[in-house]
Amino acid sequence: MLYVDNNFTGLLDGQTTNIYNDGIGVKVSNGEIVITELQPEGKKNVSSKLY
């Protein structure tokens, strides 16, 4: 997970901010995080990168 300090006015925490080549941006209280891996319950990690 990568932290990016941006201002996303008009969005609620937890909303998707952007789809990047290296992951999915999600708004948090003080900016944005970029999720680069996901792990479904009981399964292995998968990359969220676009190919």
Foldseek 3Di string as FASTA:
>chain_A
DAFDQDDDPPDDFQDWDDQDQQATWTDDPGHIDGDQWDADPPGDIDGRGDD
